[in-house]
Amino acid sequence: LPERDRAELKRRKLLLEMTLKSYWIRKGSAFSTAVARPETELTPEMIATGSWRQLPFKPYNFSSLGLPPACGHLHPLLKVRSELRQIFLEMG
């Protein structure tokens, strides 16, 4: 369309300009259909044979928090002592 006609159609809101982007995806030289999972543990067999040198390992995440520790329980004698202390405190 000529610029004059395009401006007229835009002014009357009969024309909407859109930008369309497209991408071409092709297989590269490192393309593979097999999924290689990195190793997570170093075993004594890997050290003995020396195979750990050629294996890819999963990187360590030093910023992760990890699992919270399991809560413990009071010793039964400590429970009795705290109950007796509470009784004596209530008695004055």
N, C-alpha and C. Protein backbone atom coordinates (compact mmCIF):
# COMPACT_ATOMS: atom_id res chain seq x y z
N LEU A 1 0.84 -1.19 0.00
CA LEU A 1 0.00 0.00 0.00
C LEU A 1 0.88 1.25 0.00
N PRO A 2 0.43 2.27 -0.69
CA PRO A 2 1.16 3.54 -0.60
C PRO A 2 1.06 4.10 0.81
N GLU A 3 2.03 4.92 1.16
CA GLU A 3 2.10 5.47 2.52
C GLU A 3 0.86 6.28 2.86
N ARG A 4 0.33 7.04 1.90
CA ARG A 4 -0.84 7.88 2.14
C ARG A 4 -2.08 7.03 2.47
N ASP A 5 -2.29 5.96 1.70
CA ASP A 5 -3.43 5.08 1.96
C ASP A 5 -3.27 4.34 3.29
N ARG A 6 -2.03 3.93 3.58
CA ARG A 6 -1.78 3.23 4.84
C ARG A 6 -2.06 4.15 6.03
N ALA A 7 -1.66 5.40 5.95
CA ALA A 7 -1.90 6.35 7.04
C ALA A 7 -3.40 6.59 7.21
N GLU A 8 -4.12 6.66 6.12
CA GLU A 8 -5.58 6.86 6.19
C GLU A 8 -6.27 5.66 6.85
N LEU A 9 -5.86 4.46 6.48
CA LEU A 9 -6.46 3.26 7.08
C LEU A 9 -6.11 3.14 8.57
N LYS A 10 -4.88 3.54 8.94
CA LYS A 10 -4.50 3.53 10.35
C LYS A 10 -5.34 4.52 11.14
N ARG A 11 -5.56 5.70 10.57
CA ARG A 11 -6.32 6.74 11.26
C ARG A 11 -7.75 6.27 11.49
N ARG A 12 -8.31 5.52 10.57
CA ARG A 12 -9.68 5.02 10.70
C ARG A 12 -9.72 3.69 11.46
N LYS A 13 -8.55 3.24 11.92
CA LYS A 13 -8.40 2.00 12.69
C LYS A 13 -8.90 0.78 11.91
N LEU A 14 -8.61 0.80 10.62
CA LEU A 14 -8.92 -0.34 9.78
C LEU A 14 -7.68 -1.16 9.42
N LEU A 15 -6.54 -0.67 9.86
CA LEU A 15 -5.29 -1.34 9.56
C LEU A 15 -4.49 -1.47 10.85
N LEU A 16 -3.95 -2.64 11.08
CA LEU A 16 -3.12 -2.90 12.25
C LEU A 16 -1.81 -3.49 11.76
N GLU A 17 -0.72 -2.80 12.05
CA GLU A 17 0.60 -3.29 11.64
C GLU A 17 1.15 -4.19 12.73
N MET A 18 1.66 -5.32 12.30
CA MET A 18 2.24 -6.29 13.23
C MET A 18 3.62 -6.68 12.72
N THR A 19 4.51 -6.96 13.64
CA THR A 19 5.84 -7.44 13.30
C THR A 19 5.88 -8.93 13.56
N LEU A 20 6.29 -9.68 12.58
CA LEU A 20 6.33 -11.14 12.69
C LEU A 20 7.79 -11.57 12.63
N LYS A 21 8.22 -12.29 13.66
CA LYS A 21 9.59 -12.81 13.70
C LYS A 21 9.54 -14.31 13.56
N SER A 22 10.46 -14.86 12.80
CA SER A 22 10.52 -16.31 12.64
C SER A 22 11.98 -16.74 12.76
N TYR A 23 12.17 -17.97 13.18
CA TYR A 23 13.50 -18.52 13.37
C TYR A 23 13.58 -19.86 12.67
N TRP A 24 14.74 -20.16 12.14
CA TRP A 24 14.99 -21.45 11.53
C TRP A 24 15.87 -22.24 12.47
N ILE A 25 15.46 -23.44 12.81
CA ILE A 25 16.22 -24.29 13.72
C ILE A 25 16.72 -25.49 12.93
N ARG A 26 18.03 -25.70 13.00
CA ARG A 26 18.65 -26.82 12.29
C ARG A 26 19.52 -27.60 13.26
N LYS A 27 19.76 -28.84 12.94
CA LYS A 27 20.62 -29.68 13.76
C LYS A 27 22.05 -29.19 13.65
N GLY A 28 22.72 -29.06 14.80
CA GLY A 28 24.11 -28.64 14.82
C GLY A 28 25.04 -29.84 14.82
N SER A 29 26.32 -29.57 14.91
CA SER A 29 27.31 -30.64 14.88
C SER A 29 27.28 -31.49 16.15
N ALA A 30 26.81 -30.91 17.28
CA ALA A 30 26.77 -31.64 18.55
C ALA A 30 25.40 -32.25 18.82
N PHE A 31 24.53 -32.33 17.82
CA PHE A 31 23.19 -32.88 18.00
C PHE A 31 23.25 -34.37 18.30
N SER A 32 22.45 -34.80 19.28
CA SER A 32 22.39 -36.20 19.64
C SER A 32 21.00 -36.51 20.18
N THR A 33 20.50 -37.68 19.86
CA THR A 33 19.19 -38.09 20.40
C THR A 33 19.32 -38.79 21.74
N ALA A 34 20.53 -39.20 22.10
CA ALA A 34 20.75 -39.86 23.38
C ALA A 34 20.97 -38.81 24.46
N VAL A 35 20.35 -39.02 25.61
CA VAL A 35 20.51 -38.11 26.73
C VAL A 35 21.57 -38.68 27.65
N ALA A 36 22.66 -37.95 27.82
CA ALA A 36 23.75 -38.40 28.68
C ALA A 36 23.55 -37.80 30.07
N ARG A 37 23.40 -38.67 31.06
CA ARG A 37 23.22 -38.20 32.44
C ARG A 37 24.58 -38.14 33.10
N PRO A 38 24.92 -37.01 33.70
CA PRO A 38 26.23 -36.92 34.38
C PRO A 38 26.23 -37.76 35.65
N GLU A 39 27.41 -38.20 36.01
CA GLU A 39 27.58 -39.00 37.23
C GLU A 39 27.39 -38.11 38.45
N THR A 40 26.84 -38.68 39.52
CA THR A 40 26.62 -37.92 40.75
C THR A 40 27.50 -38.41 41.89
N GLU A 41 28.02 -39.63 41.79
CA GLU A 41 28.84 -40.19 42.87
C GLU A 41 30.13 -40.75 42.32
N LEU A 42 31.17 -40.63 43.11
CA LEU A 42 32.46 -41.20 42.78
C LEU A 42 32.61 -42.49 43.57
N THR A 43 32.71 -43.61 42.87
CA THR A 43 32.77 -44.91 43.53
C THR A 43 34.21 -45.41 43.60
N PRO A 44 34.49 -46.34 44.51
CA PRO A 44 35.85 -46.90 44.59
C PRO A 44 36.27 -47.60 43.29
N GLU A 45 35.31 -48.18 42.56
CA GLU A 45 35.64 -48.85 41.30
C GLU A 45 36.12 -47.83 40.26
N MET A 46 35.48 -46.65 40.25
CA MET A 46 35.90 -45.60 39.31
C MET A 46 37.33 -45.15 39.61
N ILE A 47 37.66 -45.05 40.90
CA ILE A 47 39.01 -44.62 41.29
C ILE A 47 40.02 -45.70 40.93
N ALA A 48 39.67 -46.97 41.17
CA ALA A 48 40.60 -48.07 40.90
C ALA A 48 40.89 -48.21 39.41
N THR A 49 39.87 -48.06 38.58
CA THR A 49 40.08 -48.23 37.14
C THR A 49 40.52 -46.94 36.45
N GLY A 50 40.30 -45.80 37.09
CA GLY A 50 40.67 -44.52 36.48
C GLY A 50 39.64 -44.00 35.50
N SER A 51 38.46 -44.62 35.48
CA SER A 51 37.42 -44.21 34.53
C SER A 51 36.79 -42.88 34.89
N TRP A 52 37.02 -42.39 36.11
CA TRP A 52 36.43 -41.12 36.53
C TRP A 52 36.99 -39.95 35.74
N ARG A 53 38.16 -40.11 35.14
CA ARG A 53 38.77 -39.01 34.39
C ARG A 53 38.00 -38.68 33.10
N GLN A 54 37.34 -39.67 32.51
CA GLN A 54 36.62 -39.44 31.26
C GLN A 54 35.14 -39.18 31.46
N LEU A 55 34.61 -39.37 32.66
CA LEU A 55 33.18 -39.23 32.90
C LEU A 55 32.80 -37.79 33.25
N PRO A 56 31.65 -37.33 32.74
CA PRO A 56 31.18 -36.00 33.16
C PRO A 56 30.45 -36.12 34.50
N PHE A 57 30.74 -35.20 35.42
CA PHE A 57 30.12 -35.21 36.74
C PHE A 57 29.18 -34.03 36.88
N LYS A 58 28.14 -34.24 37.66
CA LYS A 58 27.17 -33.18 37.95
C LYS A 58 27.85 -32.14 38.84
N PRO A 59 27.71 -30.84 38.52
CA PRO A 59 28.37 -29.83 39.36
C PRO A 59 27.71 -29.72 40.74
N TYR A 60 28.51 -29.36 41.72
CA TYR A 60 28.00 -29.19 43.09
C TYR A 60 27.24 -27.88 43.19
N ASN A 61 26.17 -27.88 43.98
CA ASN A 61 25.40 -26.67 44.26
C ASN A 61 25.67 -26.28 45.71
N PHE A 62 26.62 -25.37 45.91
CA PHE A 62 27.02 -24.99 47.26
C PHE A 62 26.04 -24.02 47.90
N SER A 63 25.12 -23.45 47.12
CA SER A 63 24.16 -22.49 47.69
C SER A 63 22.85 -23.15 48.12
N SER A 64 22.70 -24.45 47.93
CA SER A 64 21.47 -25.10 48.36
C SER A 64 21.46 -25.27 49.88
N LEU A 65 20.27 -25.26 50.45
CA LEU A 65 20.13 -25.32 51.90
C LEU A 65 20.16 -26.74 52.45
N GLY A 66 19.74 -27.71 51.68
CA GLY A 66 19.72 -29.09 52.15
C GLY A 66 18.48 -29.38 52.98
N LEU A 67 18.42 -30.58 53.52
CA LEU A 67 17.27 -30.98 54.32
C LEU A 67 17.40 -30.47 55.75
N PRO A 68 16.30 -30.02 56.35
CA PRO A 68 16.39 -29.59 57.76
C PRO A 68 16.58 -30.82 58.65
N PRO A 69 17.31 -30.67 59.74
CA PRO A 69 17.54 -31.83 60.62
C PRO A 69 16.25 -32.25 61.31
N ALA A 70 16.16 -33.55 61.55
CA ALA A 70 14.97 -34.08 62.24
C ALA A 70 14.97 -33.60 63.69
N CYS A 71 13.81 -33.27 64.20
CA CYS A 71 13.70 -32.79 65.58
C CYS A 71 13.90 -33.94 66.54
N GLY A 72 14.56 -33.65 67.65
CA GLY A 72 14.80 -34.67 68.66
C GLY A 72 13.74 -34.65 69.75
N HIS A 73 13.93 -35.47 70.77
CA HIS A 73 12.99 -35.56 71.89
C HIS A 73 13.76 -35.39 73.19
N LEU A 74 13.06 -34.91 74.20
CA LEU A 74 13.68 -34.78 75.52
C LEU A 74 13.84 -36.15 76.16
N HIS A 75 14.88 -36.27 76.97
CA HIS A 75 15.10 -37.48 77.73
C HIS A 75 13.98 -37.60 78.77
N PRO A 76 13.49 -38.79 79.06
CA PRO A 76 12.39 -38.94 80.03
C PRO A 76 12.68 -38.32 81.40
N LEU A 77 13.92 -38.39 81.89
CA LEU A 77 14.25 -37.77 83.18
C LEU A 77 14.18 -36.25 83.10
N LEU A 78 14.54 -35.67 81.96
CA LEU A 78 14.42 -34.22 81.79
C LEU A 78 12.95 -33.80 81.76
N LYS A 79 12.09 -34.64 81.19
CA LYS A 79 10.65 -34.33 81.20
C LYS A 79 10.11 -34.31 82.63
N VAL A 80 10.51 -35.33 83.43
CA VAL A 80 10.06 -35.39 84.82
C VAL A 80 10.58 -34.20 85.59
N ARG A 81 11.84 -33.84 85.38
CA ARG A 81 12.42 -32.70 86.10
C ARG A 81 11.71 -31.40 85.75
N SER A 82 11.36 -31.20 84.46
CA SER A 82 10.67 -29.97 84.09
C SER A 82 9.25 -29.95 84.64
N GLU A 83 8.58 -31.13 84.72
CA GLU A 83 7.24 -31.18 85.32
C GLU A 83 7.30 -30.85 86.81
N LEU A 84 8.29 -31.43 87.53
CA LEU A 84 8.43 -31.13 88.96
C LEU A 84 8.76 -29.65 89.18
N ARG A 85 9.61 -29.11 88.34
CA ARG A 85 9.94 -27.68 88.47
C ARG A 85 8.72 -26.82 88.27
N GLN A 86 7.88 -27.18 87.28
CA GLN A 86 6.65 -26.41 87.04
C GLN A 86 5.69 -26.52 88.24
N ILE A 87 5.61 -27.71 88.84
CA ILE A 87 4.73 -27.90 90.01
C ILE A 87 5.21 -27.02 91.15
N PHE A 88 6.51 -27.03 91.43
CA PHE A 88 7.04 -26.21 92.53
C PHE A 88 6.89 -24.71 92.27
N LEU A 89 7.02 -24.31 90.99
CA LEU A 89 6.83 -22.90 90.66
C LEU A 89 5.37 -22.47 90.89
N GLU A 90 4.44 -23.36 90.56
CA GLU A 90 3.02 -23.05 90.78
C GLU A 90 2.70 -22.98 92.27
N MET A 91 3.40 -23.79 93.09
CA MET A 91 3.17 -23.79 94.54
C MET A 91 3.80 -22.56 95.20
N GLY A 92 4.73 -21.94 94.54
CA GLY A 92 5.36 -20.74 95.08
C GLY A 92 6.64 -21.09 95.73
